[in-house]
C-alpha cells in the first residue's frame, strides 16, 4: 500500500503579521526600488552595446540580393594612356611597333552598388561611372542589365542608375547614420577586386571625417574595404544602409582597416534630388568662410572658437542682401549650431532653396540676428567674382613701418598691381617688407599681401594701420585681426601687436 504525503499549508489567516511601514520608510522603499530598476536598465543597455552578434549569416543572406556589381566601359585614345598605370613602358613600345599607337582602346572598371527601389534604381559612387560610355549592372543571380545614368554629383561622389529588369527587384532601405555611435557594429557588402558579392564586418571607428571635400562628413570603419568596394552599402545591424563605401586610406592600395563611407543622412537627400531633378539642388548663402582659431577668437573678442568666420561676401548674394559682412562669425544657421567652419557648407546645402532662415552672427563683440532667404547654388554663382572691399579710411603717408607687427606697408601702385597680379578692384595697403623675426612673419604673412581691414575696419594708408594697432593695445588686446587679400582670395589672420 502506497502512502501519500500531504503537505499542510498554513492558513493565510495564521500567517505572521508584518507591520505596515511608516510613511517616511515607505518613500525610501519605493526610491530604492526605482533606483534598482534604473540601474538594471542601464546595465542591460550597456551589455547590449558591448555584445557582438553570434553570426552575420542571416543578415548577409537577406541583404546580398540587393547588392550589385557595377562595371563600366570607356573608350580612350592610346596617346592618353601612354605612361599611365594601365600600360607599362614595355607594352607602350610594343604597341608603337605595331603601328597601333593612335587607335582607340577600350578600358573597363569595376565597382559596387545597391538597389534602393524595387523599380530598379541603383545607387553607386560617381567615380565608379565617371566618363563611362556604357554601364552594366550584374545582379546577385548573375543577370546582366544595361544601366542608364539618371544623374550624378561630383561634390558628394554619388550617382543614381536605372535598370529595367521587367520585374520588381530586391531592395534595401535607408537607415539613420546620425544614430550610429563609435563602436557600433557595421557590415559592408561589395565587389572587391571584381570578386563579386563579398561580406565584411567591423565597427564604426570614427565619425565626421573630412578628407578634402566641402561636404565631407565621412563615417570611418574598420570593415575591410578594397578597390571595387566603391559604391557598395554599409549596413547597420538592422539591415539598413547607413553609409556608402567610397574611399580607403592605404599606401599599398589594399585595406589597412581605415575605410570611409558617405553617411546616409547626406546621401539620402542627394539621391532623392538626383532622382527628381537629375542633379542635386543645394542651398547657397553667398559667403566664403574660414576656421576660427584661438588667436582669431581673441582678436574678434569671441568667447570660444566655435563658428565660421566670414572671409568674403558675394555681392548680391543672400548673405549680402541680409546685411551679413566680412568679419562676421556665423554661430547658428536655421537653429543649427555651427560648431566649426566646415559644418556650415553642409548645413546650408541641405537647407531648402527659398527658405527664410535666421542666421546668428558675432559682430563687434555681440550677437546679431539676420533673416536670410536661402538661394540656390549653381555653377554660375560659384564662379561669381569676389565682392569689392569697403572704401578705405583716411589717407596719409604712402609708406610706413609698423613696428608692432614687424611689417612695412605702402599704397598699392600700378607697378605693385602688375607684379602681384592684383585686380583693379582690390583696395587696401600692400605689405612691402616683413621682419622675418616679427609677429606677421610668424603667422605666414608675405610681401605682396594686401591688408584690407584691421579689426573689421577698412584701412587705406599706413596711418590707418598704426591707429588701429594703437587702439587695440590701448584697450588691452594682445592681437589684431587682419583681412588679407592674396592670390585672388580673402583670408583672416590674427597677429600679435608686439613680439612679446
Protein backbone atom coordinates (compact mmCIF):
# COMPACT_ATOMS: atom_id res chain seq x y z
CA UNK A 1 0.00 0.00 0.00
CA UNK A 2 1.44 3.19 -1.03
CA UNK A 3 1.26 6.18 1.19
CA UNK A 4 0.54 9.62 0.06
CA UNK A 5 2.38 12.54 1.64
CA UNK A 6 0.40 15.63 2.14
CA UNK A 7 1.99 18.95 2.73
CA UNK A 8 -0.03 21.00 5.10
CA UNK A 9 -0.13 24.65 4.25
CA UNK A 10 -0.54 27.27 6.93
CA UNK A 11 -3.81 29.11 6.67
CA UNK A 12 -3.50 32.62 5.40
CA UNK A 13 -5.18 33.89 8.49
CA UNK A 14 -2.50 32.34 10.65
CA UNK A 15 0.48 33.92 8.75
CA UNK A 16 2.73 36.17 10.79
CA UNK A 17 1.55 39.72 10.59
CA UNK A 18 4.04 42.29 9.24
CA UNK A 19 3.55 45.81 10.48
CA UNK A 20 2.91 48.43 7.76
CA UNK A 21 5.90 50.68 7.07
CA UNK A 22 5.83 54.22 8.26
CA UNK A 23 5.16 56.90 5.55
CA UNK A 24 8.81 58.06 5.57
CA UNK A 25 10.07 54.47 5.30
CA UNK A 26 7.57 53.77 2.52
CA UNK A 27 9.09 56.63 0.47
CA UNK A 28 12.61 55.29 0.98
CA UNK A 29 11.43 51.81 -0.02
CA UNK A 30 9.98 52.98 -3.33
CA UNK A 31 13.04 55.14 -4.04
CA UNK A 32 15.28 52.10 -3.60
CA UNK A 33 13.07 50.09 -5.94
CA UNK A 34 13.18 52.84 -8.56
CA UNK A 35 16.97 53.19 -8.38
CA UNK A 36 17.37 49.42 -8.64
CA UNK A 37 15.18 49.32 -11.75
CA UNK A 38 17.10 52.18 -13.39
CA UNK A 39 20.43 50.51 -12.62
CA UNK A 40 19.16 47.27 -14.13
CA UNK A 41 18.05 49.03 -17.31
CA UNK A 42 21.35 50.87 -17.67
CA UNK A 43 23.29 47.67 -17.11
CA UNK A 44 21.17 45.88 -19.69
CA UNK A 45 21.73 48.67 -22.22
CA UNK A 46 25.48 48.67 -21.58
CA UNK A 47 25.60 44.89 -22.00
CA UNK A 48 23.65 45.18 -25.26
CA UNK A 49 26.04 47.85 -26.57
CA UNK A 50 29.03 45.62 -25.83
CA UNK A 51 27.62 42.39 -27.19
CA UNK A 52 28.69 41.13 -30.63
CA UNK A 53 26.37 39.24 -32.95
CA UNK A 54 26.77 35.46 -32.88
CA UNK A 55 26.76 35.43 -36.67
CA UNK A 56 26.21 37.77 -39.61
CA UNK A 57 24.94 34.92 -41.78
CA UNK A 58 21.19 35.61 -41.61
CA UNK A 59 21.69 39.34 -42.14
CA UNK A 60 24.04 38.79 -45.07
CA UNK A 61 21.70 36.25 -46.64
CA UNK A 62 18.84 38.74 -46.63
CA UNK A 63 20.89 41.66 -47.99
CA UNK A 64 23.14 40.12 -50.65
CA UNK A 65 20.43 40.02 -53.37
CA UNK A 66 20.09 43.83 -53.25
CA UNK A 67 23.82 44.48 -53.75
CA UNK A 68 25.08 44.61 -57.34
CA UNK A 69 28.32 44.76 -59.28
CA UNK A 70 28.76 47.82 -61.49
CA UNK A 71 31.09 47.67 -64.49
CA UNK A 72 31.82 50.42 -67.00
CA UNK A 73 33.41 50.60 -70.42
CA UNK A 74 35.26 53.64 -71.68
CA UNK A 75 36.97 54.40 -74.99
CA UNK A 76 40.26 56.24 -74.71
CA UNK A 77 42.95 57.26 -77.16
CA UNK A 78 46.21 55.41 -76.98
CA UNK A 79 48.30 58.54 -76.53
CA UNK A 80 46.25 59.49 -73.48
CA UNK A 81 47.25 56.20 -71.87
CA UNK A 82 50.92 56.40 -72.68
CA UNK A 83 52.97 56.28 -69.49
CA UNK A 84 49.91 55.59 -67.36
CA UNK A 85 49.47 52.88 -64.78
CA UNK A 86 47.45 50.80 -67.24
CA UNK A 87 50.36 50.36 -69.66
CA UNK A 88 53.97 49.91 -68.69
CA UNK A 89 56.87 51.10 -70.84
CA UNK A 90 57.37 47.74 -72.48
CA UNK A 91 53.74 47.46 -73.57
CA UNK A 92 53.76 51.03 -74.89
CA UNK A 93 56.83 50.23 -77.01
CA UNK A 94 55.24 47.02 -78.29
CA UNK A 95 52.04 48.81 -79.33
CA UNK A 96 54.00 51.54 -81.08
CA UNK A 97 55.93 48.94 -83.09
CA UNK A 98 52.66 47.50 -84.31
CA UNK A 99 51.58 50.89 -85.61
CA UNK A 100 48.56 50.96 -83.33
CA UNK A 101 49.57 53.87 -81.14
CA UNK A 102 46.76 56.12 -82.39
CA UNK A 103 43.94 53.57 -82.28
CA UNK A 104 41.36 53.93 -79.51
CA UNK A 105 41.27 51.27 -76.82
CA UNK A 106 38.57 50.04 -74.52
CA UNK A 107 39.02 50.27 -70.77
CA UNK A 108 36.83 48.75 -68.08
CA UNK A 109 36.43 49.46 -64.40
CA UNK A 110 34.57 47.70 -61.62
CA UNK A 111 32.64 48.93 -58.62
CA UNK A 112 29.66 48.19 -56.44
CA UNK A 113 26.15 49.49 -55.92
CA UNK A 114 22.86 48.68 -54.24
CA UNK A 115 19.21 48.69 -55.27
CA UNK A 116 17.31 51.31 -53.31
CA UNK A 117 13.97 50.84 -55.09
CA UNK A 118 12.35 47.66 -56.49
CA UNK A 119 11.73 49.61 -59.72
CA UNK A 120 15.45 49.26 -60.48
CA UNK A 121 17.12 52.38 -59.07
CA UNK A 122 20.74 51.69 -58.15
CA UNK A 123 22.97 53.91 -56.01
CA UNK A 124 26.74 53.95 -56.55
CA UNK A 125 29.71 56.32 -56.47
CA UNK A 126 30.19 58.97 -59.15
CA UNK A 127 33.82 57.99 -59.61
CA UNK A 128 32.72 54.45 -60.49
CA UNK A 129 30.77 55.59 -63.57
CA UNK A 130 32.55 58.87 -64.42
CA UNK A 131 33.34 59.23 -68.16
CA UNK A 132 31.78 55.84 -68.90
CA UNK A 133 30.42 55.05 -72.37
CA UNK A 134 28.46 52.07 -71.08
CA UNK A 135 27.40 50.99 -67.63
CA UNK A 136 26.42 47.40 -66.83
CA UNK A 137 24.86 46.12 -63.62
CA UNK A 138 25.29 42.49 -62.61
CA UNK A 139 22.64 41.26 -60.18
CA UNK A 140 23.25 38.71 -57.44
CA UNK A 141 21.67 35.98 -59.58
CA UNK A 142 24.13 36.78 -62.42
CA UNK A 143 21.54 38.63 -64.50
CA UNK A 144 23.34 41.30 -66.56
CA UNK A 145 21.48 44.54 -67.31
CA UNK A 146 22.43 47.73 -69.14
CA UNK A 147 22.08 50.77 -66.90
CA UNK A 148 21.05 54.35 -67.61
CA UNK A 149 22.71 57.14 -65.64
CA UNK A 150 19.89 59.20 -64.08
CA UNK A 151 22.28 61.77 -62.63
CA UNK A 152 25.41 62.22 -60.58
CA UNK A 153 27.06 64.60 -58.16
CA UNK A 154 30.81 65.14 -58.12
CA UNK A 155 30.84 67.04 -54.83
CA UNK A 156 29.48 64.14 -52.77
CA UNK A 157 30.68 61.42 -55.18
CA UNK A 158 27.20 59.95 -55.65
CA UNK A 159 25.40 58.65 -58.74
CA UNK A 160 22.00 57.12 -59.46
CA UNK A 161 21.45 54.45 -62.13
CA UNK A 162 18.31 52.80 -63.52
CA UNK A 163 17.96 49.27 -64.85
CA UNK A 164 14.95 47.63 -66.48
CA UNK A 165 14.50 44.08 -65.19
CA UNK A 166 10.85 43.60 -66.10
CA UNK A 167 10.05 42.65 -62.52
CA UNK A 168 10.45 44.10 -59.01
CA UNK A 169 13.97 43.71 -57.71
CA UNK A 170 15.12 43.04 -54.15
CA UNK A 171 15.99 46.32 -52.50
CA UNK A 172 17.24 47.82 -49.25
CA UNK A 173 16.15 50.91 -47.33
CA UNK A 174 17.94 53.92 -45.88
CA UNK A 175 18.87 53.99 -42.22
CA UNK A 176 19.75 56.93 -39.99
CA UNK A 177 23.50 57.41 -39.82
CA UNK A 178 23.07 60.07 -37.13
CA UNK A 179 22.11 57.30 -34.71
CA UNK A 180 25.35 55.40 -35.24
CA UNK A 181 27.87 55.57 -32.42
CA UNK A 182 31.57 54.92 -32.41
CA UNK A 183 31.94 51.21 -31.67
CA UNK A 184 28.65 50.09 -33.26
CA UNK A 185 28.81 47.02 -35.48
CA UNK A 186 28.50 47.50 -39.25
CA UNK A 187 28.62 45.21 -42.27
CA UNK A 188 29.89 46.05 -45.78
CA UNK A 189 28.97 44.21 -48.98
CA UNK A 190 30.67 44.88 -52.28
CA UNK A 191 32.71 43.75 -55.25
CA UNK A 192 36.37 43.96 -54.15
CA UNK A 193 38.84 43.33 -56.97
CA UNK A 194 35.94 42.11 -59.12
CA UNK A 195 35.40 39.02 -56.97
CA UNK A 196 31.66 39.55 -56.63
CA UNK A 197 29.44 39.78 -53.56
CA UNK A 198 31.79 39.84 -50.59
CA UNK A 199 30.73 40.43 -46.99
CA UNK A 200 32.98 42.05 -44.39
CA UNK A 201 32.19 43.28 -40.90
CA UNK A 202 33.64 45.72 -38.41
CA UNK A 203 32.72 48.69 -36.29
CA UNK A 204 32.27 52.43 -36.68
CA UNK A 205 35.79 53.65 -35.93
CA UNK A 206 35.12 57.41 -36.09
CA UNK A 207 32.63 59.95 -37.36
CA UNK A 208 32.76 63.32 -39.05
CA UNK A 209 35.92 62.60 -41.02
CA UNK A 210 36.94 65.13 -43.68
CA UNK A 211 39.37 64.23 -46.47
CA UNK A 212 39.22 67.27 -48.71
CA UNK A 213 35.65 67.95 -49.88
CA UNK A 214 33.44 70.83 -48.81
CA UNK A 215 30.63 68.45 -47.81
CA UNK A 216 32.76 65.66 -46.31
CA UNK A 217 31.31 64.09 -43.18
CA UNK A 218 32.51 60.52 -43.57
CA UNK A 219 31.90 57.55 -41.34
CA UNK A 220 35.19 55.76 -40.72
CA UNK A 221 35.07 51.97 -40.38
CA UNK A 222 37.50 49.10 -39.97
CA UNK A 223 35.30 46.75 -42.02
CA UNK A 224 37.56 45.63 -44.88
CA UNK A 225 37.04 47.85 -47.93
CA UNK A 226 39.19 47.44 -51.04
CA UNK A 227 39.24 48.53 -54.66
CA UNK A 228 35.93 47.59 -56.17
CA UNK A 229 34.00 48.16 -52.94
CA UNK A 230 33.32 51.76 -54.02
CA UNK A 231 29.62 52.44 -54.20
CA UNK A 232 28.67 49.49 -52.04
CA UNK A 233 26.50 49.77 -48.93
CA UNK A 234 27.50 49.88 -45.28
CA UNK A 235 24.73 48.34 -43.17
CA UNK A 236 23.75 48.60 -39.54
CA UNK A 237 22.61 45.51 -37.66
CA UNK A 238 19.00 46.19 -38.66
CA UNK A 239 19.94 45.71 -42.31
CA UNK A 240 19.53 49.39 -43.23
CA UNK A 241 22.00 51.41 -45.31
CA UNK A 242 23.79 53.88 -43.06
CA UNK A 243 26.70 54.60 -45.41
CA UNK A 244 28.08 54.26 -48.95
CA UNK A 245 31.64 52.96 -49.09
CA UNK A 246 33.71 55.49 -51.00
CA UNK A 247 37.39 55.64 -50.12
CA UNK A 248 40.18 53.92 -48.25
CA UNK A 249 43.35 55.16 -46.62
CA UNK A 250 46.19 52.98 -47.81
CA UNK A 251 49.75 53.21 -49.09
CA UNK A 252 49.59 49.76 -50.65
CA UNK A 253 46.18 50.02 -52.31
CA UNK A 254 44.71 47.34 -50.05
CA UNK A 255 42.65 47.58 -46.90
CA UNK A 256 44.51 48.57 -43.75
CA UNK A 257 41.37 48.95 -41.68
CA UNK A 258 40.65 52.59 -42.48
CA UNK A 259 37.70 53.00 -44.83
CA UNK A 260 35.33 55.90 -45.37
CA UNK A 261 31.61 55.87 -46.12
CA UNK A 262 29.25 58.70 -47.08
CA UNK A 263 26.64 58.93 -44.28
CA UNK A 264 23.08 58.06 -45.26
CA UNK A 265 21.69 61.33 -43.89
CA UNK A 266 23.66 63.16 -46.57
CA UNK A 267 23.31 60.58 -49.35
CA UNK A 268 19.56 60.11 -48.97
CA UNK A 269 18.75 63.75 -49.78
CA UNK A 270 21.23 63.97 -52.66
CA UNK A 271 19.93 60.75 -54.26
CA UNK A 272 16.32 61.91 -53.89
CA UNK A 273 17.13 65.19 -55.68
CA UNK A 274 19.05 63.41 -58.44
CA UNK A 275 16.04 61.17 -58.98
CA UNK A 276 13.70 64.16 -59.16
CA UNK A 277 15.81 66.76 -60.96
CA UNK A 278 18.70 64.82 -62.49
CA UNK A 279 21.12 66.68 -60.21
CA UNK A 280 21.22 67.90 -56.61
CA UNK A 281 19.89 71.33 -55.70
CA UNK A 282 21.80 72.91 -52.85
CA UNK A 283 21.17 75.90 -50.69
CA UNK A 284 23.51 78.88 -51.06
CA UNK A 285 24.43 81.59 -48.56
CA UNK A 286 26.96 83.54 -50.63
CA UNK A 287 29.96 83.70 -48.29
CA UNK A 288 33.50 82.38 -48.17
CA UNK A 289 34.50 81.18 -44.74
CA UNK A 290 37.48 80.05 -42.67
CA UNK A 291 38.21 78.46 -39.30
CA UNK A 292 38.29 80.39 -36.06
CA UNK A 293 41.46 79.59 -34.12
CA UNK A 294 42.33 80.70 -30.61
CA UNK A 295 44.07 83.91 -31.66
CA UNK A 296 41.31 84.91 -34.09
CA UNK A 297 38.77 84.29 -31.33
CA UNK A 298 40.75 86.60 -29.07
CA UNK A 299 41.09 89.24 -31.75
CA UNK A 300 37.36 89.11 -32.51
CA UNK A 301 36.51 89.04 -28.79
CA UNK A 302 34.73 85.72 -29.17
CA UNK A 303 34.05 83.60 -26.09
CA UNK A 304 35.13 80.40 -27.95
CA UNK A 305 36.48 79.14 -31.28
CA UNK A 306 33.09 77.89 -32.42
CA UNK A 307 31.59 79.31 -35.61
CA UNK A 308 32.58 80.12 -39.18
CA UNK A 309 34.43 83.36 -39.89
CA UNK A 310 33.19 85.17 -43.00
CA UNK A 311 36.23 85.98 -45.15
CA UNK A 312 34.23 87.36 -48.07
CA UNK A 313 30.61 88.10 -49.01
CA UNK A 314 29.40 87.64 -52.57
CA UNK A 315 27.88 90.86 -53.84
CA UNK A 316 24.15 90.47 -54.40
CA UNK A 317 24.06 87.08 -52.69
CA UNK A 318 21.66 86.03 -49.91
CA UNK A 319 24.06 87.00 -47.10
CA UNK A 320 24.85 90.36 -48.70
CA UNK A 321 21.16 91.19 -49.12
CA UNK A 322 20.50 90.28 -45.49
CA UNK A 323 23.31 92.51 -44.17
CA UNK A 324 25.99 89.96 -43.25
CA UNK A 325 29.51 91.37 -43.64
CA UNK A 326 33.14 90.36 -43.80
CA UNK A 327 34.42 89.61 -40.32
CA UNK A 328 31.10 88.32 -39.01
CA UNK A 329 31.28 84.91 -37.36
CA UNK A 330 28.30 82.67 -38.11
CA UNK A 331 27.27 80.98 -34.86
CA UNK A 332 23.88 79.48 -35.77
CA UNK A 333 22.10 78.82 -39.05
CA UNK A 334 18.40 77.94 -39.08
CA UNK A 335 18.53 76.98 -35.36
CA UNK A 336 21.52 74.66 -36.00
CA UNK A 337 24.72 75.44 -34.11
CA UNK A 338 27.79 75.96 -36.29
CA UNK A 339 30.42 74.21 -34.22
CA UNK A 340 33.16 74.62 -36.85
CA UNK A 341 33.53 76.32 -40.21
CA UNK A 342 33.41 73.04 -42.14
CA UNK A 343 29.93 72.27 -40.82
CA UNK A 344 28.35 75.42 -42.29
CA UNK A 345 28.53 74.50 -46.04
CA UNK A 346 26.80 71.18 -45.38
CA UNK A 347 24.09 72.76 -43.21
CA UNK A 348 23.40 75.42 -45.85
CA UNK A 349 23.50 72.91 -48.73
CA UNK A 350 20.86 70.73 -47.07
CA UNK A 351 18.52 73.70 -46.48
CA UNK A 352 15.56 74.09 -48.84
CA UNK A 353 16.00 76.71 -51.54
CA UNK A 354 13.98 79.92 -50.95
CA UNK A 355 13.52 79.05 -47.28
CA UNK A 356 13.72 82.05 -44.96
CA UNK A 357 16.05 81.28 -42.06
CA UNK A 358 17.55 83.13 -39.12
CA UNK A 359 21.33 83.45 -39.07
CA UNK A 360 23.01 84.44 -35.81
CA UNK A 361 26.42 86.08 -36.18
CA UNK A 362 29.01 87.60 -33.87
CA UNK A 363 29.92 91.18 -34.78
CA UNK A 364 31.90 93.75 -32.83
CA UNK A 365 31.58 91.87 -29.55
CA UNK A 366 27.89 90.95 -29.64
CA UNK A 367 25.41 88.61 -31.29
CA UNK A 368 23.21 89.84 -34.12
CA UNK A 369 20.42 88.01 -35.95
CA UNK A 370 19.64 88.33 -39.67
CA UNK A 371 16.79 86.94 -41.75
CA UNK A 372 18.25 85.28 -44.85
CA UNK A 373 16.42 83.81 -47.82
CA UNK A 374 18.47 80.82 -48.96
CA UNK A 375 19.49 80.90 -52.62
CA UNK A 376 20.38 78.08 -55.00
CA UNK A 377 23.99 77.09 -55.54
CA UNK A 378 24.65 76.91 -59.29
CA UNK A 379 27.79 76.76 -61.41
CA UNK A 380 27.38 80.44 -62.23
CA UNK A 381 27.26 81.65 -58.66
CA UNK A 382 30.25 79.51 -57.73
CA UNK A 383 32.27 81.34 -60.36
CA UNK A 384 30.94 84.75 -59.39
CA UNK A 385 33.52 87.47 -58.89
CA UNK A 386 34.62 88.32 -55.39
CA UNK A 387 32.95 91.36 -53.92
CA UNK A 388 34.86 94.60 -53.56
CA UNK A 389 36.12 95.58 -50.14
CA UNK A 390 34.73 98.57 -48.35
CA UNK A 391 36.02 102.03 -49.07
CA UNK A 392 39.34 102.95 -47.45
CA UNK A 393 39.79 105.17 -44.46
CA UNK A 394 41.81 108.35 -44.23
CA UNK A 395 44.81 108.72 -46.48
CA UNK A 396 48.25 109.56 -45.17
CA UNK A 397 51.90 108.79 -45.91
CA UNK A 398 52.39 106.48 -48.87
CA UNK A 399 54.71 104.17 -46.90
CA UNK A 400 55.36 103.41 -43.27
CA UNK A 401 56.84 100.86 -40.89
CA UNK A 402 54.51 99.19 -38.38
CA UNK A 403 57.00 98.06 -35.76
CA UNK A 404 54.42 96.32 -33.56
CA UNK A 405 53.54 93.96 -36.42
CA UNK A 406 57.00 93.70 -37.95
CA UNK A 407 55.96 94.94 -41.41
CA UNK A 408 56.44 97.86 -43.76
CA UNK A 409 53.40 98.84 -45.80
CA UNK A 410 52.59 101.22 -48.60
CA UNK A 411 49.98 102.36 -51.08
CA UNK A 412 49.08 99.99 -53.94
CA UNK A 413 50.80 101.32 -57.06
CA UNK A 414 50.31 100.27 -60.66
CA UNK A 415 53.68 98.54 -60.53
CA UNK A 416 52.59 96.56 -57.46
CA UNK A 417 49.33 95.55 -59.13
CA UNK A 418 51.29 94.24 -62.10
CA UNK A 419 53.92 92.45 -60.02
CA UNK A 420 51.50 90.74 -57.64
CA UNK A 421 48.62 90.37 -60.14
CA UNK A 422 46.16 92.46 -58.13
CA UNK A 423 42.81 93.28 -59.72
CA UNK A 424 41.85 96.93 -60.02
CA UNK A 425 39.01 96.35 -57.56
CA UNK A 426 41.39 95.35 -54.76
CA UNK A 427 41.91 98.19 -52.31
CA UNK A 428 43.89 98.46 -49.10
CA UNK A 429 47.55 98.70 -48.10
CA UNK A 430 50.22 96.41 -49.51
CA UNK A 431 53.00 94.80 -47.47
CA UNK A 432 56.35 95.76 -48.98
CA UNK A 433 58.72 94.38 -46.32
CA UNK A 434 58.49 91.85 -43.49
CA UNK A 435 60.72 91.42 -40.47
CA UNK A 436 61.47 87.71 -40.54
CA UNK A 437 61.50 87.65 -36.73
CA UNK A 438 58.32 89.71 -36.32
CA UNK A 439 54.76 88.70 -35.42
CA UNK A 440 53.49 88.99 -39.03
CA UNK A 441 56.15 86.63 -40.37
CA UNK A 442 55.34 84.21 -37.58
CA UNK A 443 51.76 83.97 -38.89
CA UNK A 444 52.78 83.48 -42.52
CA UNK A 445 52.13 86.94 -43.96
CA UNK A 446 54.07 87.69 -47.14
CA UNK A 447 55.35 90.58 -49.21
CA UNK A 448 52.60 91.41 -51.69
CA UNK A 449 49.75 90.64 -49.28
CA UNK A 450 47.15 93.40 -49.19
CA UNK A 451 45.76 94.43 -45.81
CA UNK A 452 42.11 95.29 -46.45
CA UNK A 453 40.82 95.59 -42.88
CA UNK A 454 42.12 95.63 -39.32
CA UNK A 455 39.69 94.56 -36.62
CA UNK A 456 36.89 94.69 -39.20
CA UNK A 457 37.59 98.30 -40.16
CA UNK A 458 38.84 99.29 -43.62
CA UNK A 459 42.33 100.71 -43.99
CA UNK A 460 43.75 102.84 -46.82
CA UNK A 461 47.11 104.06 -45.52
CA UNK A 462 49.93 103.19 -43.09
CA UNK A 463 48.41 105.76 -40.73
CA UNK A 464 45.18 103.75 -40.59
CA UNK A 465 47.07 100.61 -39.61
CA UNK A 466 49.14 102.39 -36.96
CA UNK A 467 45.99 103.88 -35.45
CA UNK A 468 44.16 100.53 -35.33
CA UNK A 469 47.15 98.85 -33.64
CA UNK A 470 47.40 101.62 -31.02
CA UNK A 471 43.66 101.35 -30.32
CA UNK A 472 43.97 97.61 -29.77
CA UNK A 473 46.89 97.99 -27.35
CA UNK A 474 45.14 100.81 -25.50
CA UNK A 475 42.08 98.62 -24.99
CA UNK A 476 44.22 95.78 -23.62
CA UNK A 477 44.07 93.42 -26.59
CA UNK A 478 47.10 91.30 -27.43
CA UNK A 479 46.21 90.62 -31.07
CA UNK A 480 44.63 92.36 -34.04
CA UNK A 481 42.74 90.66 -36.85
CA UNK A 482 43.87 91.40 -40.40
CA UNK A 483 41.75 90.76 -43.50
CA UNK A 484 44.32 89.84 -46.13
CA UNK A 485 43.86 89.63 -49.90
CA UNK A 486 46.22 87.12 -51.50
CA UNK A 487 46.11 85.22 -54.78
CA UNK A 488 42.53 86.15 -55.62
CA UNK A 489 41.00 85.37 -52.24
CA UNK A 490 40.46 86.86 -48.79
CA UNK A 491 41.66 85.37 -45.52
CA UNK A 492 41.71 86.45 -41.88
CA UNK A 493 44.87 86.40 -39.76
CA UNK A 494 45.28 87.07 -36.05
CA UNK A 495 48.62 88.77 -35.37
CA UNK A 496 50.11 89.77 -32.03
CA UNK A 497 50.60 93.51 -31.65
CA UNK A 498 54.18 93.00 -30.48
CA UNK A 499 56.63 90.13 -30.33
CA UNK A 500 56.29 89.69 -26.58
